[in-house]
């Protein structure tokens, strides 16, 4: 899966509290993302098996608000998210001139 900066923000927020259920508005506040950016990322993570999603079981009328959809990383998601963020960090950390990134000889370099 391609890890973008916005996806990295979401993964970091989910990794901060791995055992906690997080909902969209909470994640938007923590990451600074809009719903139009956040929810497609959550959907991709869920489809990849990195994320579990469930609807809150409440009486919306009694609660005075709609039910929330809660998100939590799976065990596989925790493992993959940690590895993906470590790779992103390694790939974006400045290195002294002439020192290649680990594994640089194994992957194609971007044109820019």
N, C-alpha and C. Protein backbone atom coordinates (compact mmCIF):
# COMPACT_ATOMS: atom_id res chain seq x y z
N UNK A 1 0.85 -1.17 0.00
CA UNK A 1 0.00 0.00 0.00
C UNK A 1 0.90 1.24 0.00
N UNK A 2 0.52 2.21 -0.79
CA UNK A 2 1.27 3.45 -0.87
C UNK A 2 0.93 4.32 0.35
N UNK A 3 1.95 4.74 1.07
CA UNK A 3 1.75 5.56 2.27
C UNK A 3 2.02 7.01 1.92
N UNK A 4 0.96 7.81 1.93
CA UNK A 4 1.09 9.25 1.68
C UNK A 4 1.28 9.97 3.00
N UNK A 5 1.55 11.24 2.93
CA UNK A 5 1.71 12.04 4.15
C UNK A 5 0.41 12.05 4.94
N UNK A 6 -0.71 12.20 4.24
CA UNK A 6 -2.00 12.23 4.95
C UNK A 6 -2.31 10.87 5.57
N UNK A 7 -1.99 9.79 4.86
CA UNK A 7 -2.21 8.47 5.44
C UNK A 7 -1.30 8.26 6.64
N UNK A 8 -0.08 8.77 6.58
CA UNK A 8 0.84 8.67 7.71
C UNK A 8 0.28 9.38 8.93
N UNK A 9 -0.37 10.51 8.72
CA UNK A 9 -1.00 11.23 9.84
C UNK A 9 -2.06 10.37 10.51
N UNK A 10 -2.89 9.73 9.68
CA UNK A 10 -3.97 8.88 10.21
C UNK A 10 -3.38 7.68 10.94
N UNK A 11 -2.40 7.02 10.34
CA UNK A 11 -1.79 5.86 10.98
C UNK A 11 -1.13 6.25 12.31
N UNK A 12 -0.46 7.38 12.33
CA UNK A 12 0.17 7.85 13.58
C UNK A 12 -0.86 8.07 14.66
N UNK A 13 -1.98 8.69 14.30
CA UNK A 13 -3.04 8.94 15.28
C UNK A 13 -3.63 7.63 15.80
N UNK A 14 -3.82 6.67 14.91
CA UNK A 14 -4.37 5.38 15.33
C UNK A 14 -3.37 4.59 16.17
N UNK A 15 -2.10 4.73 15.88
CA UNK A 15 -1.07 4.03 16.65
C UNK A 15 -0.88 4.63 18.04
N UNK A 16 -1.17 5.92 18.20
CA UNK A 16 -1.02 6.57 19.51
C UNK A 16 -1.84 5.87 20.58
N UNK A 17 -3.05 5.48 20.23
CA UNK A 17 -3.94 4.81 21.17
C UNK A 17 -4.47 3.54 20.50
N UNK A 18 -3.60 2.53 20.42
CA UNK A 18 -3.93 1.32 19.68
C UNK A 18 -5.15 0.57 20.20
N UNK A 19 -5.38 0.63 21.47
CA UNK A 19 -6.49 -0.12 22.07
C UNK A 19 -7.80 0.68 22.11
N UNK A 20 -7.74 1.94 21.73
CA UNK A 20 -8.92 2.81 21.80
C UNK A 20 -9.67 2.81 20.48
N UNK A 21 -10.98 2.86 20.57
CA UNK A 21 -11.81 3.07 19.39
C UNK A 21 -11.79 4.56 19.09
N UNK A 22 -11.55 4.91 17.83
CA UNK A 22 -11.51 6.31 17.42
C UNK A 22 -12.63 6.54 16.41
N UNK A 23 -13.22 7.72 16.41
CA UNK A 23 -14.26 8.02 15.44
C UNK A 23 -13.81 9.19 14.57
N UNK A 24 -14.51 9.40 13.47
CA UNK A 24 -14.10 10.34 12.44
C UNK A 24 -13.78 11.74 12.93
N UNK A 25 -14.70 12.36 13.67
CA UNK A 25 -14.47 13.74 14.12
C UNK A 25 -13.23 13.82 15.00
N UNK A 26 -13.06 12.84 15.86
CA UNK A 26 -11.87 12.78 16.71
C UNK A 26 -10.61 12.71 15.86
N UNK A 27 -10.60 11.85 14.85
CA UNK A 27 -9.44 11.71 13.97
C UNK A 27 -9.21 12.98 13.14
N UNK A 28 -10.30 13.64 12.73
CA UNK A 28 -10.13 14.89 11.98
C UNK A 28 -9.45 15.95 12.84
N UNK A 29 -9.83 16.04 14.11
CA UNK A 29 -9.22 17.02 15.01
C UNK A 29 -7.75 16.72 15.24
N UNK A 30 -7.41 15.45 15.44
CA UNK A 30 -6.04 15.06 15.73
C UNK A 30 -5.13 15.23 14.52
N UNK A 31 -5.64 14.87 13.34
CA UNK A 31 -4.80 14.89 12.13
C UNK A 31 -4.85 16.21 11.37
N UNK A 32 -5.90 17.01 11.60
CA UNK A 32 -6.06 18.24 10.84
C UNK A 32 -6.62 18.01 9.44
N UNK A 33 -7.10 16.80 9.17
CA UNK A 33 -7.64 16.48 7.85
C UNK A 33 -9.13 16.77 7.79
N UNK A 34 -9.62 17.00 6.58
CA UNK A 34 -11.05 17.17 6.36
C UNK A 34 -11.68 15.80 6.17
N UNK A 35 -12.99 15.74 6.25
CA UNK A 35 -13.69 14.46 6.06
C UNK A 35 -13.44 13.91 4.66
N UNK A 36 -13.31 14.78 3.67
CA UNK A 36 -13.06 14.35 2.30
C UNK A 36 -11.71 13.69 2.11
N UNK A 37 -10.78 13.97 3.00
CA UNK A 37 -9.46 13.32 2.95
C UNK A 37 -9.41 12.11 3.88
N UNK A 38 -10.03 12.24 5.05
CA UNK A 38 -9.94 11.20 6.06
C UNK A 38 -10.68 9.92 5.68
N UNK A 39 -11.96 10.05 5.31
CA UNK A 39 -12.77 8.84 5.12
C UNK A 39 -12.30 7.95 3.97
N UNK A 40 -11.81 8.48 2.86
CA UNK A 40 -11.25 7.57 1.84
C UNK A 40 -10.03 6.79 2.36
N UNK A 41 -9.23 7.42 3.20
CA UNK A 41 -8.07 6.73 3.78
C UNK A 41 -8.55 5.62 4.71
N UNK A 42 -9.53 5.92 5.55
CA UNK A 42 -10.06 4.90 6.45
C UNK A 42 -10.65 3.73 5.66
N UNK A 43 -11.32 4.03 4.58
CA UNK A 43 -11.91 2.98 3.73
C UNK A 43 -10.81 2.10 3.14
N UNK A 44 -9.73 2.72 2.63
CA UNK A 44 -8.62 1.94 2.05
C UNK A 44 -7.96 1.06 3.12
N UNK A 45 -7.77 1.61 4.29
CA UNK A 45 -7.16 0.83 5.37
C UNK A 45 -8.04 -0.34 5.78
N UNK A 46 -9.34 -0.12 5.81
CA UNK A 46 -10.28 -1.19 6.15
C UNK A 46 -10.26 -2.27 5.07
N UNK A 47 -10.27 -1.88 3.81
CA UNK A 47 -10.25 -2.84 2.71
C UNK A 47 -8.95 -3.65 2.69
N UNK A 48 -7.86 -3.05 3.14
CA UNK A 48 -6.57 -3.74 3.18
C UNK A 48 -6.44 -4.66 4.39
N UNK A 49 -7.41 -4.60 5.31
CA UNK A 49 -7.36 -5.44 6.50
C UNK A 49 -6.55 -4.85 7.64
N UNK A 50 -6.19 -3.58 7.52
CA UNK A 50 -5.41 -2.92 8.56
C UNK A 50 -6.32 -2.34 9.64
N UNK A 51 -7.58 -2.18 9.36
CA UNK A 51 -8.49 -1.43 10.22
C UNK A 51 -9.81 -2.17 10.37
N UNK A 52 -10.35 -2.17 11.58
CA UNK A 52 -11.70 -2.67 11.84
C UNK A 52 -12.60 -1.46 12.04
N UNK A 53 -13.80 -1.54 11.52
CA UNK A 53 -14.77 -0.45 11.70
C UNK A 53 -16.06 -1.06 12.22
N UNK A 54 -16.71 -0.35 13.12
CA UNK A 54 -18.00 -0.81 13.65
C UNK A 54 -18.85 0.40 14.01
N UNK A 55 -20.15 0.21 13.90
CA UNK A 55 -21.07 1.27 14.28
C UNK A 55 -21.35 1.18 15.78
N UNK A 56 -21.43 2.32 16.40
CA UNK A 56 -21.78 2.43 17.81
C UNK A 56 -23.23 1.97 17.97
N UNK A 57 -23.49 1.23 19.01
CA UNK A 57 -24.85 0.75 19.27
C UNK A 57 -25.51 1.66 20.31
N UNK A 58 -26.22 2.68 19.81
CA UNK A 58 -26.93 3.60 20.69
C UNK A 58 -28.30 3.89 20.10
N UNK A 59 -29.15 4.44 20.92
CA UNK A 59 -30.43 4.97 20.46
C UNK A 59 -30.15 6.43 20.10
N UNK A 60 -30.11 6.71 18.81
CA UNK A 60 -29.74 8.05 18.34
C UNK A 60 -30.68 9.13 18.88
N UNK A 61 -31.97 8.81 19.01
CA UNK A 61 -32.93 9.78 19.51
C UNK A 61 -32.65 10.09 20.98
N UNK A 62 -32.44 9.05 21.77
CA UNK A 62 -32.17 9.24 23.20
C UNK A 62 -30.83 9.95 23.41
N UNK A 63 -29.84 9.62 22.58
CA UNK A 63 -28.52 10.22 22.73
C UNK A 63 -28.49 11.64 22.17
N UNK A 64 -29.42 11.96 21.30
CA UNK A 64 -29.46 13.30 20.72
C UNK A 64 -28.39 13.53 19.66
N UNK A 65 -27.88 12.43 19.10
CA UNK A 65 -26.87 12.52 18.05
C UNK A 65 -26.88 11.21 17.26
N UNK A 66 -26.35 11.25 16.06
CA UNK A 66 -26.28 10.00 15.29
C UNK A 66 -25.23 9.06 15.87
N UNK A 67 -25.37 7.78 15.56
CA UNK A 67 -24.38 6.79 15.98
C UNK A 67 -23.04 7.11 15.31
N UNK A 68 -21.98 6.83 16.02
CA UNK A 68 -20.63 7.05 15.49
C UNK A 68 -20.10 5.74 14.89
N UNK A 69 -19.25 5.89 13.91
CA UNK A 69 -18.54 4.73 13.36
C UNK A 69 -17.15 4.75 13.98
N UNK A 70 -16.82 3.68 14.69
CA UNK A 70 -15.55 3.60 15.39
C UNK A 70 -14.54 2.80 14.58
N UNK A 71 -13.28 3.20 14.69
CA UNK A 71 -12.18 2.58 13.95
C UNK A 71 -11.08 2.17 14.92
N UNK A 72 -10.46 1.02 14.62
CA UNK A 72 -9.34 0.54 15.41
C UNK A 72 -8.44 -0.31 14.51
N UNK A 73 -7.12 -0.17 14.68
CA UNK A 73 -6.19 -0.97 13.90
C UNK A 73 -6.28 -2.43 14.31
N UNK A 74 -6.17 -3.33 13.34
CA UNK A 74 -6.08 -4.76 13.62
C UNK A 74 -4.64 -5.05 14.05
N UNK A 75 -4.39 -6.26 14.52
CA UNK A 75 -3.02 -6.65 14.88
C UNK A 75 -2.12 -6.54 13.65
N UNK A 76 -2.62 -6.99 12.52
CA UNK A 76 -1.87 -6.88 11.26
C UNK A 76 -1.65 -5.40 10.92
N UNK A 77 -2.67 -4.58 11.13
CA UNK A 77 -2.57 -3.16 10.84
C UNK A 77 -1.54 -2.46 11.72
N UNK A 78 -1.49 -2.84 12.98
CA UNK A 78 -0.50 -2.26 13.90
C UNK A 78 0.91 -2.59 13.41
N UNK A 79 1.10 -3.83 13.04
CA UNK A 79 2.42 -4.27 12.55
C UNK A 79 2.79 -3.54 11.26
N UNK A 80 1.88 -3.53 10.29
CA UNK A 80 2.16 -2.91 8.99
C UNK A 80 2.28 -1.39 9.10
N UNK A 81 1.44 -0.76 9.93
CA UNK A 81 1.51 0.69 10.10
C UNK A 81 2.84 1.11 10.70
N UNK A 82 3.28 0.39 11.72
CA UNK A 82 4.57 0.69 12.33
C UNK A 82 5.70 0.56 11.32
N UNK A 83 5.67 -0.51 10.54
CA UNK A 83 6.71 -0.73 9.53
C UNK A 83 6.65 0.34 8.44
N UNK A 84 5.44 0.68 8.00
CA UNK A 84 5.28 1.68 6.94
C UNK A 84 5.77 3.04 7.39
N UNK A 85 5.46 3.43 8.63
CA UNK A 85 5.91 4.72 9.13
C UNK A 85 7.42 4.74 9.32
N UNK A 86 8.01 3.62 9.73
CA UNK A 86 9.46 3.54 9.87
C UNK A 86 10.13 3.66 8.49
N UNK A 87 9.55 3.01 7.49
CA UNK A 87 10.09 3.11 6.13
C UNK A 87 9.99 4.54 5.61
N UNK A 88 8.84 5.17 5.84
CA UNK A 88 8.65 6.56 5.40
C UNK A 88 9.65 7.47 6.08
N UNK A 89 9.84 7.27 7.37
CA UNK A 89 10.81 8.08 8.12
C UNK A 89 12.22 7.89 7.56
N UNK A 90 12.59 6.63 7.32
CA UNK A 90 13.93 6.34 6.79
C UNK A 90 14.11 6.95 5.40
N UNK A 91 13.06 6.92 4.60
CA UNK A 91 13.14 7.43 3.24
C UNK A 91 13.18 8.96 3.19
N UNK A 92 12.70 9.62 4.23
CA UNK A 92 12.62 11.08 4.20
C UNK A 92 13.61 11.76 5.14
N UNK A 93 14.44 10.98 5.83
CA UNK A 93 15.44 11.55 6.72
C UNK A 93 16.65 11.97 5.90
N UNK A 94 17.09 13.22 6.04
CA UNK A 94 18.27 13.67 5.29
C UNK A 94 19.50 12.84 5.67
N UNK A 95 20.31 12.53 4.67
CA UNK A 95 21.53 11.76 4.90
C UNK A 95 22.74 12.59 4.46
N UNK A 96 23.88 12.32 5.07
CA UNK A 96 25.09 13.02 4.61
C UNK A 96 25.34 12.72 3.13
N UNK A 97 25.93 13.66 2.46
CA UNK A 97 26.20 13.51 1.03
C UNK A 97 27.01 12.24 0.78
N UNK A 98 26.56 11.47 -0.20
CA UNK A 98 27.25 10.24 -0.58
C UNK A 98 26.82 9.01 0.17
N UNK A 99 25.95 9.15 1.18
CA UNK A 99 25.47 7.99 1.94
C UNK A 99 24.08 7.63 1.41
N UNK A 100 23.98 6.48 0.72
CA UNK A 100 22.68 6.10 0.17
C UNK A 100 21.72 5.62 1.27
N UNK A 101 20.45 5.72 0.98
CA UNK A 101 19.44 5.22 1.89
C UNK A 101 19.52 3.70 1.93
N UNK A 102 19.17 3.08 3.05
CA UNK A 102 19.20 1.62 3.12
C UNK A 102 18.29 1.04 2.03
N UNK A 103 18.80 0.09 1.29
CA UNK A 103 18.02 -0.54 0.23
C UNK A 103 17.83 0.30 -1.00
N UNK A 104 18.53 1.42 -1.13
CA UNK A 104 18.35 2.33 -2.27
C UNK A 104 18.66 1.64 -3.59
N UNK A 105 19.59 0.70 -3.56
CA UNK A 105 19.95 0.00 -4.79
C UNK A 105 18.85 -0.97 -5.23
N UNK A 106 17.87 -1.25 -4.38
CA UNK A 106 16.84 -2.22 -4.67
C UNK A 106 15.56 -1.62 -5.25
N UNK A 107 15.39 -0.33 -5.16
CA UNK A 107 14.13 0.27 -5.61
C UNK A 107 14.38 1.38 -6.64
N UNK A 108 13.37 1.57 -7.45
CA UNK A 108 13.47 2.64 -8.47
C UNK A 108 13.43 3.99 -7.80
N UNK A 109 14.13 4.93 -8.34
CA UNK A 109 14.16 6.29 -7.81
C UNK A 109 13.10 7.11 -8.54
N UNK A 110 12.40 7.99 -7.85
CA UNK A 110 11.41 8.85 -8.53
C UNK A 110 12.10 9.82 -9.49
N UNK A 111 11.36 10.25 -10.49
CA UNK A 111 11.91 11.12 -11.52
C UNK A 111 12.18 12.53 -11.00
N UNK A 112 11.53 12.92 -9.96
CA UNK A 112 11.72 14.29 -9.47
C UNK A 112 12.85 14.28 -8.54
